[in-house]
N, C-alpha and C. Protein backbone atom coordinates (compact mmCIF):
# COMPACT_ATOMS: atom_id res chain seq x y z
N MET A 1 -127.04 -38.35 23.86
CA MET A 1 -127.95 -39.09 24.72
C MET A 1 -129.02 -39.82 23.89
N ILE A 2 -129.38 -39.26 22.74
CA ILE A 2 -130.36 -39.92 21.88
C ILE A 2 -129.80 -41.24 21.35
N TYR A 3 -128.52 -41.23 20.98
CA TYR A 3 -127.90 -42.46 20.49
C TYR A 3 -127.98 -43.56 21.55
N LYS A 4 -127.69 -43.22 22.78
CA LYS A 4 -127.74 -44.21 23.87
C LYS A 4 -129.17 -44.72 24.04
N ALA A 5 -130.13 -43.81 24.02
CA ALA A 5 -131.53 -44.19 24.20
C ALA A 5 -131.99 -45.14 23.10
N LEU A 6 -131.47 -44.95 21.90
CA LEU A 6 -131.89 -45.79 20.77
C LEU A 6 -131.01 -47.01 20.56
N SER A 7 -130.03 -47.21 21.44
CA SER A 7 -129.11 -48.34 21.28
C SER A 7 -129.72 -49.66 21.73
N ASN A 8 -130.87 -49.60 22.36
CA ASN A 8 -131.53 -50.79 22.88
C ASN A 8 -132.70 -51.17 21.98
N GLU A 9 -132.78 -52.45 21.61
CA GLU A 9 -133.83 -52.93 20.70
C GLU A 9 -135.24 -52.69 21.26
N THR A 10 -135.43 -52.93 22.53
CA THR A 10 -136.76 -52.73 23.11
C THR A 10 -137.15 -51.27 23.09
N ARG A 11 -136.22 -50.37 23.37
CA ARG A 11 -136.53 -48.94 23.32
C ARG A 11 -136.88 -48.52 21.89
N ARG A 12 -136.17 -49.05 20.91
CA ARG A 12 -136.52 -48.74 19.51
C ARG A 12 -137.91 -49.28 19.18
N GLN A 13 -138.23 -50.46 19.71
CA GLN A 13 -139.56 -51.05 19.49
C GLN A 13 -140.64 -50.17 20.11
N ILE A 14 -140.40 -49.67 21.30
CA ILE A 14 -141.36 -48.78 21.96
C ILE A 14 -141.58 -47.53 21.11
N MET A 15 -140.52 -46.99 20.55
CA MET A 15 -140.66 -45.81 19.68
C MET A 15 -141.56 -46.13 18.48
N LEU A 16 -141.42 -47.32 17.93
CA LEU A 16 -142.29 -47.73 16.81
C LEU A 16 -143.73 -47.87 17.28
N TRP A 17 -143.93 -48.51 18.41
CA TRP A 17 -145.30 -48.66 18.93
C TRP A 17 -145.96 -47.32 19.15
N LEU A 18 -145.21 -46.37 19.67
CA LEU A 18 -145.78 -45.05 19.97
C LEU A 18 -145.97 -44.20 18.71
N LYS A 19 -145.27 -44.56 17.65
CA LYS A 19 -145.46 -43.83 16.39
C LYS A 19 -146.84 -44.11 15.81
N ASN A 20 -147.28 -45.35 15.91
CA ASN A 20 -148.59 -45.78 15.39
C ASN A 20 -149.32 -46.59 16.45
N PRO A 21 -149.73 -45.97 17.55
CA PRO A 21 -150.31 -46.74 18.65
C PRO A 21 -151.58 -47.51 18.28
N GLU A 22 -152.33 -47.00 17.30
CA GLU A 22 -153.56 -47.70 16.91
C GLU A 22 -153.27 -49.08 16.31
N GLU A 23 -152.07 -49.31 15.84
CA GLU A 23 -151.70 -50.62 15.30
C GLU A 23 -151.30 -51.61 16.39
N PHE A 24 -150.92 -51.11 17.55
CA PHE A 24 -150.33 -51.96 18.57
C PHE A 24 -151.09 -52.02 19.89
N PHE A 25 -152.02 -51.07 20.11
CA PHE A 25 -152.75 -51.00 21.37
C PHE A 25 -154.24 -50.86 21.09
N ASP A 26 -155.06 -51.19 22.09
CA ASP A 26 -156.51 -51.13 21.98
C ASP A 26 -157.02 -49.79 22.52
N GLU A 27 -157.51 -48.94 21.63
CA GLU A 27 -157.95 -47.61 22.05
C GLU A 27 -159.30 -47.64 22.77
N LYS A 28 -160.03 -48.75 22.66
CA LYS A 28 -161.35 -48.82 23.30
C LYS A 28 -161.27 -48.54 24.80
N LEU A 29 -160.27 -49.10 25.44
CA LEU A 29 -160.12 -48.89 26.89
C LEU A 29 -159.87 -47.42 27.22
N TYR A 30 -159.17 -46.72 26.33
CA TYR A 30 -158.89 -45.30 26.52
C TYR A 30 -160.17 -44.49 26.30
N LEU A 31 -160.90 -44.83 25.26
CA LEU A 31 -162.14 -44.11 24.94
C LEU A 31 -163.17 -44.26 26.07
N GLN A 32 -163.20 -45.43 26.70
CA GLN A 32 -164.13 -45.65 27.82
C GLN A 32 -163.83 -44.71 28.98
N GLN A 33 -162.59 -44.26 29.07
CA GLN A 33 -162.19 -43.34 30.14
C GLN A 33 -162.20 -41.89 29.67
N GLY A 34 -162.68 -41.66 28.44
CA GLY A 34 -162.72 -40.32 27.89
C GLY A 34 -161.36 -39.84 27.40
N LEU A 35 -160.47 -40.77 27.11
CA LEU A 35 -159.12 -40.45 26.66
C LEU A 35 -158.91 -40.91 25.23
N LYS A 36 -157.90 -40.38 24.59
CA LYS A 36 -157.51 -40.81 23.25
C LYS A 36 -156.00 -41.03 23.25
N PHE A 37 -155.52 -41.70 22.22
CA PHE A 37 -154.09 -41.99 22.13
C PHE A 37 -153.23 -40.73 22.06
N GLN A 38 -153.80 -39.59 21.70
CA GLN A 38 -153.02 -38.35 21.62
C GLN A 38 -152.37 -38.00 22.96
N ILE A 39 -152.98 -38.43 24.07
CA ILE A 39 -152.37 -38.14 25.37
C ILE A 39 -151.15 -39.01 25.61
N GLY A 40 -151.08 -40.13 24.90
CA GLY A 40 -149.99 -41.08 25.07
C GLY A 40 -150.52 -42.46 25.40
N ILE A 41 -149.59 -43.35 25.64
CA ILE A 41 -149.92 -44.73 25.99
C ILE A 41 -149.50 -44.98 27.43
N CYS A 42 -150.36 -45.62 28.18
CA CYS A 42 -150.11 -45.89 29.59
C CYS A 42 -148.89 -46.81 29.76
N VAL A 43 -148.10 -46.53 30.77
CA VAL A 43 -146.91 -47.34 31.06
C VAL A 43 -147.29 -48.82 31.18
N GLY A 44 -148.41 -49.11 31.82
CA GLY A 44 -148.84 -50.49 31.99
C GLY A 44 -149.09 -51.20 30.68
N ASP A 45 -149.65 -50.49 29.70
CA ASP A 45 -149.89 -51.08 28.38
C ASP A 45 -148.57 -51.34 27.65
N ILE A 46 -147.64 -50.42 27.78
CA ILE A 46 -146.32 -50.59 27.16
C ILE A 46 -145.61 -51.78 27.80
N GLN A 47 -145.69 -51.86 29.11
CA GLN A 47 -145.05 -52.95 29.85
C GLN A 47 -145.65 -54.30 29.45
N ALA A 48 -146.96 -54.37 29.35
CA ALA A 48 -147.62 -55.62 28.96
C ALA A 48 -147.20 -56.05 27.57
N LYS A 49 -147.13 -55.11 26.65
CA LYS A 49 -146.74 -55.42 25.27
C LYS A 49 -145.29 -55.88 25.20
N ALA A 50 -144.41 -55.25 25.96
CA ALA A 50 -142.99 -55.60 25.94
C ALA A 50 -142.71 -56.91 26.67
N GLY A 51 -143.55 -57.23 27.64
CA GLY A 51 -143.34 -58.46 28.39
C GLY A 51 -142.17 -58.41 29.35
N LEU A 52 -141.77 -57.20 29.73
CA LEU A 52 -140.67 -57.02 30.67
C LEU A 52 -141.21 -56.46 31.98
N ALA A 53 -140.40 -56.51 33.00
CA ALA A 53 -140.81 -56.00 34.31
C ALA A 53 -141.14 -54.51 34.23
N GLN A 54 -142.10 -54.09 35.04
CA GLN A 54 -142.51 -52.68 35.04
C GLN A 54 -141.34 -51.77 35.36
N SER A 55 -140.47 -52.19 36.25
CA SER A 55 -139.32 -51.35 36.62
C SER A 55 -138.38 -51.16 35.44
N VAL A 56 -138.21 -52.20 34.62
CA VAL A 56 -137.34 -52.10 33.44
C VAL A 56 -137.95 -51.14 32.42
N ILE A 57 -139.24 -51.29 32.17
CA ILE A 57 -139.92 -50.42 31.21
C ILE A 57 -139.89 -48.97 31.71
N SER A 58 -140.14 -48.76 32.98
CA SER A 58 -140.10 -47.39 33.52
C SER A 58 -138.71 -46.79 33.33
N SER A 59 -137.68 -47.58 33.54
CA SER A 59 -136.31 -47.10 33.33
C SER A 59 -136.07 -46.76 31.87
N TYR A 60 -136.54 -47.60 30.97
CA TYR A 60 -136.40 -47.33 29.53
C TYR A 60 -137.11 -46.04 29.13
N LEU A 61 -138.33 -45.89 29.62
CA LEU A 61 -139.12 -44.70 29.27
C LEU A 61 -138.46 -43.44 29.82
N LEU A 62 -137.93 -43.52 31.02
CA LEU A 62 -137.24 -42.37 31.61
C LEU A 62 -135.99 -42.02 30.80
N THR A 63 -135.24 -43.02 30.37
CA THR A 63 -134.07 -42.78 29.53
C THR A 63 -134.45 -42.06 28.24
N MET A 64 -135.53 -42.51 27.62
CA MET A 64 -135.98 -41.89 26.37
C MET A 64 -136.53 -40.49 26.61
N GLN A 65 -137.18 -40.29 27.75
CA GLN A 65 -137.70 -38.96 28.08
C GLN A 65 -136.54 -37.99 28.33
N LYS A 66 -135.53 -38.42 29.07
CA LYS A 66 -134.37 -37.57 29.34
C LYS A 66 -133.63 -37.20 28.06
N ALA A 67 -133.67 -38.11 27.08
CA ALA A 67 -133.03 -37.85 25.79
C ALA A 67 -133.89 -36.92 24.92
N GLY A 68 -135.11 -36.64 25.37
CA GLY A 68 -136.01 -35.75 24.62
C GLY A 68 -136.87 -36.45 23.61
N LEU A 69 -136.80 -37.78 23.56
CA LEU A 69 -137.57 -38.53 22.57
C LEU A 69 -139.03 -38.71 22.96
N LEU A 70 -139.32 -38.66 24.25
CA LEU A 70 -140.68 -38.87 24.74
C LEU A 70 -141.13 -37.72 25.63
N GLU A 71 -142.44 -37.54 25.66
CA GLU A 71 -143.09 -36.62 26.58
C GLU A 71 -144.03 -37.44 27.45
N SER A 72 -144.23 -37.02 28.68
CA SER A 72 -145.14 -37.76 29.55
C SER A 72 -146.29 -36.87 29.98
N ASN A 73 -147.38 -37.53 30.33
CA ASN A 73 -148.58 -36.84 30.78
C ASN A 73 -149.15 -37.66 31.93
N ARG A 74 -149.23 -37.08 33.09
CA ARG A 74 -149.76 -37.81 34.25
C ARG A 74 -151.23 -37.44 34.44
N ILE A 75 -152.05 -38.47 34.51
CA ILE A 75 -153.48 -38.29 34.75
C ILE A 75 -153.84 -39.21 35.91
N GLY A 76 -154.18 -38.61 37.03
CA GLY A 76 -154.44 -39.41 38.23
C GLY A 76 -153.18 -40.14 38.64
N LYS A 77 -153.30 -41.44 38.82
CA LYS A 77 -152.13 -42.22 39.21
C LYS A 77 -151.41 -42.86 38.02
N TRP A 78 -151.85 -42.57 36.80
CA TRP A 78 -151.28 -43.18 35.60
C TRP A 78 -150.43 -42.18 34.83
N THR A 79 -149.36 -42.68 34.25
CA THR A 79 -148.50 -41.87 33.39
C THR A 79 -148.59 -42.39 31.97
N TYR A 80 -148.75 -41.48 31.04
CA TYR A 80 -148.89 -41.80 29.62
C TYR A 80 -147.71 -41.20 28.87
N TYR A 81 -147.18 -41.95 27.92
CA TYR A 81 -146.03 -41.48 27.14
C TYR A 81 -146.40 -41.38 25.66
N ARG A 82 -145.87 -40.35 25.03
CA ARG A 82 -146.02 -40.17 23.58
C ARG A 82 -144.69 -39.67 23.04
N ARG A 83 -144.52 -39.82 21.75
CA ARG A 83 -143.29 -39.38 21.11
C ARG A 83 -143.21 -37.85 21.07
N ASN A 84 -142.02 -37.34 21.20
CA ASN A 84 -141.76 -35.90 21.04
C ASN A 84 -141.32 -35.71 19.60
N GLU A 85 -142.28 -35.50 18.73
CA GLU A 85 -142.01 -35.45 17.29
C GLU A 85 -141.06 -34.32 16.91
N LYS A 86 -141.09 -33.22 17.65
CA LYS A 86 -140.20 -32.09 17.34
C LYS A 86 -138.74 -32.51 17.50
N THR A 87 -138.42 -33.12 18.61
CA THR A 87 -137.05 -33.58 18.85
C THR A 87 -136.65 -34.65 17.85
N ILE A 88 -137.55 -35.56 17.57
CA ILE A 88 -137.26 -36.63 16.60
C ILE A 88 -136.97 -36.04 15.24
N GLU A 89 -137.78 -35.08 14.82
CA GLU A 89 -137.57 -34.42 13.53
C GLU A 89 -136.22 -33.70 13.49
N GLU A 90 -135.88 -33.00 14.56
CA GLU A 90 -134.59 -32.31 14.62
C GLU A 90 -133.43 -33.30 14.57
N PHE A 91 -133.57 -34.44 15.22
CA PHE A 91 -132.52 -35.46 15.21
C PHE A 91 -132.36 -36.06 13.81
N VAL A 92 -133.47 -36.33 13.15
CA VAL A 92 -133.42 -36.86 11.78
C VAL A 92 -132.75 -35.85 10.86
N ASP A 93 -133.09 -34.57 10.98
CA ASP A 93 -132.45 -33.53 10.18
C ASP A 93 -130.94 -33.49 10.43
N TYR A 94 -130.55 -33.58 11.70
CA TYR A 94 -129.14 -33.59 12.06
C TYR A 94 -128.42 -34.77 11.39
N ILE A 95 -129.01 -35.95 11.50
CA ILE A 95 -128.40 -37.14 10.92
C ILE A 95 -128.24 -36.98 9.41
N GLN A 96 -129.27 -36.48 8.76
CA GLN A 96 -129.22 -36.31 7.30
C GLN A 96 -128.14 -35.32 6.89
N LYS A 97 -127.93 -34.28 7.67
CA LYS A 97 -126.93 -33.27 7.33
C LYS A 97 -125.52 -33.74 7.65
N GLU A 98 -125.37 -34.50 8.72
CA GLU A 98 -124.05 -34.92 9.17
C GLU A 98 -123.50 -36.13 8.43
N PHE A 99 -124.38 -36.95 7.93
CA PHE A 99 -123.93 -38.19 7.29
C PHE A 99 -124.32 -38.14 5.85
């Protein structure tokens, strides 16, 4: 399932953005709300950066979450996504051992 999740260029781009969110998103808006990037990045911010429909981005994020690549955190009416570094690390280890 991880292979399928990573087979799409936009999903791979989202993984990069979430790896270093301070390079790609403005944390000031989060800090004003008492939040930090550690909670994740709001779906709306990811959608705006990708320039795709919200429904498409939500589908992509759900695919990556089901594959174990992302974790979500709901605060009020907003959902924030961050990378699941444990699963990513295990996948990288698997790839290195198998290939």
